[in-house]
Amino acid sequence: MKNKRQVRVGEQIQRTLAQALIRQAREPVFLKITITGVKMSPDLAYAKVFFSVFDDSIIKEAQQILQEKTGFLRKILAHDLNLRITPHLQFVHDESISYGRHMSELIDEALSRDEKLPKE
């Protein structure tokens, strides 16, 4: 079970990284990335950062650039947040959005098939 501090720090990191990607858009792909959540380790030394992109064809490119810019992003976190330890960042593609989109398509398909069935 997460404690309140883990949740609060995760939310701060999410906001700070989202703003940093917009403000520091040195990489064009930064503008296509959305930070969807952050899961903190109990000791707050590690942060698993979940992200999504609008175009699934750039997932690998986005993840690679985020990993390459980890030091730069940690520096921003160290400057903006008042934490004893700046957490190490691990970027993970958030598949929940594409999963939700897929489920919605399946539901729409099932509903359209039901409408075509003869009424009794």
Foldseek 3Di string as FASTA:
>chain_A
DDDPVQQVVFVVLQVQLLVCLVVVVPDVCSVQKHFDTWGADNVRQAIETEIEGPDPVCPVVVQVVCVVCQVVSLVSCVVPDDDPHRHRYHYDYDCPVVVVVVVVVVVVVVVVVVVPDDDD
